[in-house]
């Protein structure tokens, strides 16, 4: 299953590597990364497009696990399957 995680976090040493490492250890492959930092320099946003190594992997559970990491303030997620269904609903 493919999906996207949007993670808001406090900028600190090792923060990005902790988030990416967790995603990969949970059986997902990162296919694209987009990062932005707030002008204050203390907060950032990380968008990860991910692909599951098998169908048993859940982006819902992954989002909960990432949300428990130190410094993470918010995680939102969606899967390619749900985006495709939304597009089909709009077309109908």
PDB file of N, CA and C in Angstrom:
ATOM      1  N   UNK A   1       0.843  -1.170   0.000  1.00  0.00           N
ATOM      2  CA  UNK A   1       0.000   0.000   0.000  1.00  0.00           C
ATOM      3  C   UNK A   1       0.892   1.237   0.000  1.00  0.00           C
ATOM      4  N   UNK A   2       0.558   2.173  -0.824  1.00  0.00           N
ATOM      5  CA  UNK A   2       1.278   3.444  -0.866  1.00  0.00           C
ATOM      6  C   UNK A   2       0.504   4.479  -0.062  1.00  0.00           C
ATOM      7  N   UNK A   3       1.218   5.438   0.475  1.00  0.00           N
ATOM      8  CA  UNK A   3       0.553   6.472   1.260  1.00  0.00           C
ATOM      9  C   UNK A   3       1.446   7.667   1.473  1.00  0.00           C
ATOM     10  N   UNK A   4       0.937   8.598   2.265  1.00  0.00           N
ATOM     11  CA  UNK A   4       1.679   9.818   2.578  1.00  0.00           C
ATOM     12  C   UNK A   4       1.490  10.141   4.048  1.00  0.00           C
ATOM     13  N   UNK A   5       2.598  10.438   4.723  1.00  0.00           N
ATOM     14  CA  UNK A   5       2.581  10.905   6.109  1.00  0.00           C
ATOM     15  C   UNK A   5       3.023  12.360   6.116  1.00  0.00           C
ATOM     16  N   UNK A   6       2.287  13.197   6.813  1.00  0.00           N
ATOM     17  CA  UNK A   6       2.691  14.579   7.028  1.00  0.00           C
ATOM     18  C   UNK A   6       2.952  14.728   8.515  1.00  0.00           C
ATOM     19  N   UNK A   7       4.194  15.063   8.849  1.00  0.00           N
ATOM     20  CA  UNK A   7       4.634  15.079  10.242  1.00  0.00           C
ATOM     21  C   UNK A   7       5.087  16.482  10.610  1.00  0.00           C
ATOM     22  N   UNK A   8       4.514  17.013  11.677  1.00  0.00           N
ATOM     23  CA  UNK A   8       4.965  18.291  12.220  1.00  0.00           C
ATOM     24  C   UNK A   8       5.783  17.984  13.468  1.00  0.00           C
ATOM     25  N   UNK A   9       6.918  18.659  13.614  1.00  0.00           N
ATOM     26  CA  UNK A   9       7.842  18.313  14.699  1.00  0.00           C
ATOM     27  C   UNK A   9       8.668  19.515  15.117  1.00  0.00           C
ATOM     28  N   UNK A  10       9.302  19.386  16.284  1.00  0.00           N
ATOM     29  CA  UNK A  10      10.259  20.378  16.751  1.00  0.00           C
ATOM     30  C   UNK A  10      11.619  20.027  16.163  1.00  0.00           C
ATOM     31  N   UNK A  11      12.278  20.999  15.568  1.00  0.00           N
ATOM     32  CA  UNK A  11      13.585  20.788  14.956  1.00  0.00           C
ATOM     33  C   UNK A  11      14.617  20.541  16.056  1.00  0.00           C
ATOM     34  N   UNK A  12      15.331  19.428  15.951  1.00  0.00           N
ATOM     35  CA  UNK A  12      16.375  19.063  16.914  1.00  0.00           C
ATOM     36  C   UNK A  12      17.332  18.099  16.225  1.00  0.00           C
ATOM     37  N   UNK A  13      18.507  17.962  16.799  1.00  0.00           N
ATOM     38  CA  UNK A  13      19.478  17.028  16.240  1.00  0.00           C
ATOM     39  C   UNK A  13      18.912  15.617  16.227  1.00  0.00           C
ATOM     40  N   UNK A  14      18.987  14.966  15.082  1.00  0.00           N
ATOM     41  CA  UNK A  14      18.546  13.584  14.959  1.00  0.00           C
ATOM     42  C   UNK A  14      17.063  13.386  14.749  1.00  0.00           C
ATOM     43  N   UNK A  15      16.269  14.457  14.718  1.00  0.00           N
ATOM     44  CA  UNK A  15      14.810  14.313  14.610  1.00  0.00           C
ATOM     45  C   UNK A  15      14.395  13.642  13.297  1.00  0.00           C
ATOM     46  N   UNK A  16      14.946  14.090  12.203  1.00  0.00           N
ATOM     47  CA  UNK A  16      14.549  13.555  10.892  1.00  0.00           C
ATOM     48  C   UNK A  16      14.980  12.096  10.761  1.00  0.00           C
ATOM     49  N   UNK A  17      16.173  11.775  11.171  1.00  0.00           N
ATOM     50  CA  UNK A  17      16.655  10.404  11.054  1.00  0.00           C
ATOM     51  C   UNK A  17      15.846   9.458  11.954  1.00  0.00           C
ATOM     52  N   UNK A  18      15.375   9.946  13.107  1.00  0.00           N
ATOM     53  CA  UNK A  18      14.512   9.122  13.975  1.00  0.00           C
ATOM     54  C   UNK A  18      13.216   8.783  13.265  1.00  0.00           C
ATOM     55  N   UNK A  19      12.612   9.785  12.607  1.00  0.00           N
ATOM     56  CA  UNK A  19      11.331   9.561  11.932  1.00  0.00           C
ATOM     57  C   UNK A  19      11.486   8.624  10.737  1.00  0.00           C
ATOM     58  N   UNK A  20      12.485   8.875   9.893  1.00  0.00           N
ATOM     59  CA  UNK A  20      12.700   8.031   8.718  1.00  0.00           C
ATOM     60  C   UNK A  20      13.090   6.621   9.146  1.00  0.00           C
ATOM     61  N   UNK A  21      13.932   6.504  10.159  1.00  0.00           N
ATOM     62  CA  UNK A  21      14.340   5.192  10.647  1.00  0.00           C
ATOM     63  C   UNK A  21      13.167   4.366  11.146  1.00  0.00           C
ATOM     64  N   UNK A  22      12.260   5.001  11.869  1.00  0.00           N
ATOM     65  CA  UNK A  22      11.088   4.294  12.365  1.00  0.00           C
ATOM     66  C   UNK A  22      10.233   3.790  11.204  1.00  0.00           C
ATOM     67  N   UNK A  23      10.018   4.637  10.220  1.00  0.00           N
ATOM     68  CA  UNK A  23       9.213   4.257   9.060  1.00  0.00           C
ATOM     69  C   UNK A  23       9.829   3.034   8.371  1.00  0.00           C
ATOM     70  N   UNK A  24      11.126   3.056   8.160  1.00  0.00           N
ATOM     71  CA  UNK A  24      11.778   1.938   7.477  1.00  0.00           C
ATOM     72  C   UNK A  24      11.803   0.677   8.341  1.00  0.00           C
ATOM     73  N   UNK A  25      11.998   0.820   9.644  1.00  0.00           N
ATOM     74  CA  UNK A  25      12.001  -0.357  10.527  1.00  0.00           C
ATOM     75  C   UNK A  25      10.625  -1.006  10.619  1.00  0.00           C
ATOM     76  N   UNK A  26       9.585  -0.263  10.344  1.00  0.00           N
ATOM     77  CA  UNK A  26       8.218  -0.804  10.390  1.00  0.00           C
ATOM     78  C   UNK A  26       7.771  -1.406   9.061  1.00  0.00           C
ATOM     79  N   UNK A  27       8.695  -1.533   8.111  1.00  0.00           N
ATOM     80  CA  UNK A  27       8.385  -2.237   6.867  1.00  0.00           C
ATOM     81  C   UNK A  27       7.863  -1.361   5.751  1.00  0.00           C
ATOM     82  N   UNK A  28       8.186  -0.090   5.779  1.00  0.00           N
ATOM     83  CA  UNK A  28       7.797   0.821   4.701  1.00  0.00           C
ATOM     84  C   UNK A  28       9.050   1.356   4.032  1.00  0.00           C
ATOM     85  N   UNK A  29       8.943   1.635   2.746  1.00  0.00           N
ATOM     86  CA  UNK A  29      10.032   2.226   1.981  1.00  0.00           C
ATOM     87  C   UNK A  29       9.671   3.678   1.705  1.00  0.00           C
ATOM     88  N   UNK A  30      10.589   4.597   1.946  1.00  0.00           N
ATOM     89  CA  UNK A  30      10.351   6.015   1.671  1.00  0.00           C
ATOM     90  C   UNK A  30      10.658   6.255   0.203  1.00  0.00           C
ATOM     91  N   UNK A  31       9.666   6.748  -0.546  1.00  0.00           N
ATOM     92  CA  UNK A  31       9.849   6.974  -1.981  1.00  0.00           C
ATOM     93  C   UNK A  31      10.042   8.451  -2.327  1.00  0.00           C
ATOM     94  N   UNK A  32       9.630   9.333  -1.414  1.00  0.00           N
ATOM     95  CA  UNK A  32       9.800  10.770  -1.655  1.00  0.00           C
ATOM     96  C   UNK A  32       9.773  11.500  -0.320  1.00  0.00           C
ATOM     97  N   UNK A  33      10.605  12.524  -0.210  1.00  0.00           N
ATOM     98  CA  UNK A  33      10.666  13.331   1.012  1.00  0.00           C
ATOM     99  C   UNK A  33      10.560  14.803   0.630  1.00  0.00           C
ATOM    100  N   UNK A  34       9.712  15.528   1.344  1.00  0.00           N
ATOM    101  CA  UNK A  34       9.618  16.980   1.200  1.00  0.00           C
ATOM    102  C   UNK A  34       9.695  17.561   2.602  1.00  0.00           C
ATOM    103  N   UNK A  35      10.599  18.534   2.784  1.00  0.00           N
ATOM    104  CA  UNK A  35      10.778  19.138   4.105  1.00  0.00           C
ATOM    105  C   UNK A  35      10.615  20.644   4.025  1.00  0.00           C
ATOM    106  N   UNK A  36      10.118  21.212   5.114  1.00  0.00           N
ATOM    107  CA  UNK A  36      10.021  22.668   5.241  1.00  0.00           C
ATOM    108  C   UNK A  36      10.243  23.034   6.697  1.00  0.00           C
ATOM    109  N   UNK A  37      10.864  24.177   6.911  1.00  0.00           N
ATOM    110  CA  UNK A  37      11.103  24.664   8.265  1.00  0.00           C
ATOM    111  C   UNK A  37      10.377  25.987   8.428  1.00  0.00           C
ATOM    112  N   UNK A  38       9.764  26.177   9.589  1.00  0.00           N
ATOM    113  CA  UNK A  38       9.079  27.437   9.882  1.00  0.00           C
ATOM    114  C   UNK A  38      10.112  28.554  10.013  1.00  0.00           C
ATOM    115  N   UNK A  39       9.731  29.798   9.752  1.00  0.00           N
ATOM    116  CA  UNK A  39      10.684  30.910   9.859  1.00  0.00           C
ATOM    117  C   UNK A  39      11.351  31.034  11.229  1.00  0.00           C
ATOM    118  N   UNK A  40      10.678  30.585  12.267  1.00  0.00           N
ATOM    119  CA  UNK A  40      11.267  30.665  13.612  1.00  0.00           C
ATOM    120  C   UNK A  40      12.448  29.718  13.771  1.00  0.00           C
ATOM    121  N   UNK A  41      12.531  28.688  12.921  1.00  0.00           N
ATOM    122  CA  UNK A  41      13.631  27.739  12.981  1.00  0.00           C
ATOM    123  C   UNK A  41      13.487  26.663  14.030  1.00  0.00           C
ATOM    124  N   UNK A  42      12.377  26.658  14.770  1.00  0.00           N
ATOM    125  CA  UNK A  42      12.193  25.667  15.838  1.00  0.00           C
ATOM    126  C   UNK A  42      11.201  24.564  15.475  1.00  0.00           C
ATOM    127  N   UNK A  43      10.427  24.761  14.418  1.00  0.00           N
ATOM    128  CA  UNK A  43       9.422  23.777  14.018  1.00  0.00           C
ATOM    129  C   UNK A  43       9.599  23.451  12.542  1.00  0.00           C
ATOM    130  N   UNK A  44       9.248  22.235  12.180  1.00  0.00           N
ATOM    131  CA  UNK A  44       9.367  21.820  10.795  1.00  0.00           C
ATOM    132  C   UNK A  44       8.242  20.892  10.395  1.00  0.00           C
ATOM    133  N   UNK A  45       8.145  20.686   9.093  1.00  0.00           N
ATOM    134  CA  UNK A  45       7.169  19.756   8.540  1.00  0.00           C
ATOM    135  C   UNK A  45       7.914  18.801   7.614  1.00  0.00           C
ATOM    136  N   UNK A  46       7.614  17.531   7.742  1.00  0.00           N
ATOM    137  CA  UNK A  46       8.220  16.491   6.926  1.00  0.00           C
ATOM    138  C   UNK A  46       7.086  15.717   6.268  1.00  0.00           C
ATOM    139  N   UNK A  47       7.100  15.655   4.941  1.00  0.00           N
ATOM    140  CA  UNK A  47       6.111  14.874   4.199  1.00  0.00           C
ATOM    141  C   UNK A  47       6.841  13.691   3.591  1.00  0.00           C
ATOM    142  N   UNK A  48       6.386  12.491   3.933  1.00  0.00           N
ATOM    143  CA  UNK A  48       6.983  11.266   3.426  1.00  0.00           C
ATOM    144  C   UNK A  48       5.975  10.515   2.575  1.00  0.00           C
ATOM    145  N   UNK A  49       6.337  10.255   1.334  1.00  0.00           N
ATOM    146  CA  UNK A  49       5.542   9.335   0.535  1.00  0.00           C
ATOM    147  C   UNK A  49       6.164   7.969   0.748  1.00  0.00           C
ATOM    148  N   UNK A  50       5.316   6.995   1.074  1.00  0.00           N
ATOM    149  CA  UNK A  50       5.812   5.687   1.489  1.00  0.00           C
ATOM    150  C   UNK A  50       5.143   4.570   0.708  1.00  0.00           C
ATOM    151  N   UNK A  51       5.826   3.437   0.652  1.00  0.00           N
ATOM    152  CA  UNK A  51       5.283   2.223   0.046  1.00  0.00           C
ATOM    153  C   UNK A  51       5.517   1.076   1.025  1.00  0.00           C
ATOM    154  N   UNK A  52       4.483   0.311   1.279  1.00  0.00           N
ATOM    155  CA  UNK A  52       4.581  -0.815   2.212  1.00  0.00           C
ATOM    156  C   UNK A  52       5.289  -1.987   1.551  1.00  0.00           C
ATOM    157  N   UNK A  53       6.055  -2.728   2.348  1.00  0.00           N
ATOM    158  CA  UNK A  53       6.756  -3.896   1.816  1.00  0.00           C
ATOM    159  C   UNK A  53       5.804  -5.055   1.548  1.00  0.00           C
ATOM    160  N   UNK A  54       4.650  -5.067   2.214  1.00  0.00           N
ATOM    161  CA  UNK A  54       3.622  -6.073   1.949  1.00  0.00           C
ATOM    162  C   UNK A  54       2.264  -5.524   2.360  1.00  0.00           C
ATOM    163  N   UNK A  55       1.210  -6.212   1.978  1.00  0.00           N
ATOM    164  CA  UNK A  55      -0.156  -5.733   2.199  1.00  0.00           C
ATOM    165  C   UNK A  55      -0.564  -5.737   3.671  1.00  0.00           C
ATOM    166  N   UNK A  56       0.169  -6.418   4.520  1.00  0.00           N
ATOM    167  CA  UNK A  56      -0.179  -6.492   5.940  1.00  0.00           C
ATOM    168  C   UNK A  56       0.183  -5.224   6.702  1.00  0.00           C
ATOM    169  N   UNK A  57       0.949  -4.331   6.097  1.00  0.00           N
ATOM    170  CA  UNK A  57       1.380  -3.088   6.769  1.00  0.00           C
ATOM    171  C   UNK A  57       0.256  -2.064   6.751  1.00  0.00           C
ATOM    172  N   UNK A  58       0.083  -1.363   7.871  1.00  0.00           N
ATOM    173  CA  UNK A  58      -0.993  -0.385   8.012  1.00  0.00           C
ATOM    174  C   UNK A  58      -0.417   1.019   8.226  1.00  0.00           C
ATOM    175  N   UNK A  59      -0.837   1.967   7.386  1.00  0.00           N
ATOM    176  CA  UNK A  59      -0.392   3.349   7.579  1.00  0.00           C
ATOM    177  C   UNK A  59      -1.039   3.953   8.818  1.00  0.00           C
ATOM    178  N   UNK A  60      -2.201   3.460   9.224  1.00  0.00           N
ATOM    179  CA  UNK A  60      -2.845   3.944  10.453  1.00  0.00           C
ATOM    180  C   UNK A  60      -1.954   3.668  11.666  1.00  0.00           C
ATOM    181  N   UNK A  61      -1.477   2.450  11.768  1.00  0.00           N
ATOM    182  CA  UNK A  61      -0.623   2.069  12.896  1.00  0.00           C
ATOM    183  C   UNK A  61       0.705   2.802  12.823  1.00  0.00           C
ATOM    184  N   UNK A  62       1.262   2.914  11.625  1.00  0.00           N
ATOM    185  CA  UNK A  62       2.521   3.631  11.458  1.00  0.00           C
ATOM    186  C   UNK A  62       2.386   5.074  11.922  1.00  0.00           C
ATOM    187  N   UNK A  63       1.290   5.733  11.570  1.00  0.00           N
ATOM    188  CA  UNK A  63       1.076   7.124  11.980  1.00  0.00           C
ATOM    189  C   UNK A  63       1.025   7.246  13.501  1.00  0.00           C
ATOM    190  N   UNK A  64       0.384   6.302  14.178  1.00  0.00           N
ATOM    191  CA  UNK A  64       0.339   6.310  15.643  1.00  0.00           C
ATOM    192  C   UNK A  64       1.740   6.148  16.231  1.00  0.00           C
ATOM    193  N   UNK A  65       2.532   5.256  15.638  1.00  0.00           N
ATOM    194  CA  UNK A  65       3.885   5.021  16.139  1.00  0.00           C
ATOM    195  C   UNK A  65       4.775   6.245  15.950  1.00  0.00           C
ATOM    196  N   UNK A  66       4.683   6.884  14.794  1.00  0.00           N
ATOM    197  CA  UNK A  66       5.470   8.092  14.533  1.00  0.00           C
ATOM    198  C   UNK A  66       5.041   9.203  15.490  1.00  0.00           C
ATOM    199  N   UNK A  67       3.747   9.299  15.764  1.00  0.00           N
ATOM    200  CA  UNK A  67       3.230  10.325  16.663  1.00  0.00           C
ATOM    201  C   UNK A  67       3.756  10.220  18.081  1.00  0.00           C
ATOM    202  N   UNK A  68       4.241   9.043  18.469  1.00  0.00           N
ATOM    203  CA  UNK A  68       4.798   8.854  19.808  1.00  0.00           C
ATOM    204  C   UNK A  68       6.273   9.225  19.919  1.00  0.00           C
ATOM    205  N   UNK A  69       6.911   9.532  18.794  1.00  0.00           N
ATOM    206  CA  UNK A  69       8.318   9.900  18.848  1.00  0.00           C
ATOM    207  C   UNK A  69       8.510  11.239  19.558  1.00  0.00           C
ATOM    208  N   UNK A  70       9.633  11.374  20.232  1.00  0.00           N
ATOM    209  CA  UNK A  70       9.984  12.604  20.925  1.00  0.00           C
ATOM    210  C   UNK A  70      10.045  13.768  19.931  1.00  0.00           C
ATOM    211  N   UNK A  71       9.347  14.843  20.226  1.00  0.00           N
ATOM    212  CA  UNK A  71       9.381  16.043  19.405  1.00  0.00           C
ATOM    213  C   UNK A  71       8.331  16.116  18.316  1.00  0.00           C
ATOM    214  N   UNK A  72       7.624  15.029  18.047  1.00  0.00           N
ATOM    215  CA  UNK A  72       6.572  15.045  17.027  1.00  0.00           C
ATOM    216  C   UNK A  72       5.315  15.632  17.643  1.00  0.00           C
ATOM    217  N   UNK A  73       4.739  16.640  16.972  1.00  0.00           N
ATOM    218  CA  UNK A  73       3.557  17.303  17.519  1.00  0.00           C
ATOM    219  C   UNK A  73       2.264  16.916  16.808  1.00  0.00           C
ATOM    220  N   UNK A  74       2.371  16.484  15.543  1.00  0.00           N
ATOM    221  CA  UNK A  74       1.158  16.140  14.801  1.00  0.00           C
ATOM    222  C   UNK A  74       1.526  15.249  13.624  1.00  0.00           C
ATOM    223  N   UNK A  75       0.684  14.238  13.364  1.00  0.00           N
ATOM    224  CA  UNK A  75       0.861  13.361  12.207  1.00  0.00           C
ATOM    225  C   UNK A  75      -0.479  13.191  11.517  1.00  0.00           C
ATOM    226  N   UNK A  76      -0.504  13.442  10.222  1.00  0.00           N
ATOM    227  CA  UNK A  76      -1.680  13.127   9.417  1.00  0.00           C
ATOM    228  C   UNK A  76      -1.227  12.172   8.324  1.00  0.00           C
ATOM    229  N   UNK A  77      -2.160  11.367   7.839  1.00  0.00           N
ATOM    230  CA  UNK A  77      -1.785  10.396   6.811  1.00  0.00           C
ATOM    231  C   UNK A  77      -2.955  10.113   5.897  1.00  0.00           C
ATOM    232  N   UNK A  78      -2.624   9.646   4.720  1.00  0.00           N
ATOM    233  CA  UNK A  78      -3.616   9.117   3.802  1.00  0.00           C
ATOM    234  C   UNK A  78      -2.933   8.064   2.947  1.00  0.00           C
ATOM    235  N   UNK A  79      -3.734   7.206   2.359  1.00  0.00           N
ATOM    236  CA  UNK A  79      -3.178   6.155   1.512  1.00  0.00           C
ATOM    237  C   UNK A  79      -3.580   6.425   0.077  1.00  0.00           C
ATOM    238  N   UNK A  80      -2.842   5.870  -0.856  1.00  0.00           N
ATOM    239  CA  UNK A  80      -3.141   6.040  -2.281  1.00  0.00           C
ATOM    240  C   UNK A  80      -4.507   5.440  -2.593  1.00  0.00           C
ATOM    241  N   UNK A  81      -4.861   4.361  -1.897  1.00  0.00           N
ATOM    242  CA  UNK A  81      -6.162   3.737  -2.125  1.00  0.00           C
ATOM    243  C   UNK A  81      -7.288   4.689  -1.770  1.00  0.00           C
ATOM    244  N   UNK A  82      -7.171   5.405  -0.642  1.00  0.00           N
ATOM    245  CA  UNK A  82      -8.237   6.324  -0.240  1.00  0.00           C
ATOM    246  C   UNK A  82      -8.269   7.542  -1.149  1.00  0.00           C
ATOM    247  N   UNK A  83      -7.107   8.017  -1.631  1.00  0.00           N
ATOM    248  CA  UNK A  83      -7.091   9.146  -2.561  1.00  0.00           C
ATOM    249  C   UNK A  83      -7.750   8.758  -3.873  1.00  0.00           C
ATOM    250  N   UNK A  84      -7.499   7.530  -4.322  1.00  0.00           N
ATOM    251  CA  UNK A  84      -8.119   7.053  -5.556  1.00  0.00           C
ATOM    252  C   UNK A  84      -9.627   6.960  -5.424  1.00  0.00           C
ATOM    253  N   UNK A  85     -10.109   6.500  -4.260  1.00  0.00           N
ATOM    254  CA  UNK A  85     -11.549   6.411  -4.026  1.00  0.00           C
ATOM    255  C   UNK A  85     -12.176   7.796  -4.000  1.00  0.00           C
ATOM    256  N   UNK A  86     -11.492   8.773  -3.395  1.00  0.00           N
ATOM    257  CA  UNK A  86     -12.016  10.135  -3.371  1.00  0.00           C
ATOM    258  C   UNK A  86     -12.134  10.698  -4.775  1.00  0.00           C
ATOM    259  N   UNK A  87     -11.145  10.451  -5.618  1.00  0.00           N
ATOM    260  CA  UNK A  87     -11.181  10.942  -6.984  1.00  0.00           C
ATOM    261  C   UNK A  87     -12.319  10.296  -7.765  1.00  0.00           C
ATOM    262  N   UNK A  88     -12.558   9.004  -7.543  1.00  0.00           N
ATOM    263  CA  UNK A  88     -13.650   8.324  -8.213  1.00  0.00           C
ATOM    264  C   UNK A  88     -14.987   8.889  -7.747  1.00  0.00           C
ATOM    265  N   UNK A  89     -15.139   9.180  -6.450  1.00  0.00           N
ATOM    266  CA  UNK A  89     -16.381   9.748  -5.935  1.00  0.00           C
ATOM    267  C   UNK A  89     -16.654  11.115  -6.556  1.00  0.00           C
ATOM    268  N   UNK A  90     -15.621  11.942  -6.708  1.00  0.00           N
ATOM    269  CA  UNK A  90     -15.788  13.264  -7.286  1.00  0.00           C
ATOM    270  C   UNK A  90     -16.152  13.183  -8.761  1.00  0.00           C
ATOM    271  N   UNK A  91     -15.636  12.162  -9.457  1.00  0.00           N
ATOM    272  CA  UNK A  91     -15.912  12.016 -10.882  1.00  0.00           C
ATOM    273  C   UNK A  91     -17.340  11.549 -11.131  1.00  0.00           C
ATOM    274  N   UNK A  92     -17.924  10.856 -10.169  1.00  0.00           N
ATOM    275  CA  UNK A  92     -19.280  10.301 -10.338  1.00  0.00           C
ATOM    276  C   UNK A  92     -20.365  11.346 -10.231  1.00  0.00           C
TER     277      UNK A  92
END
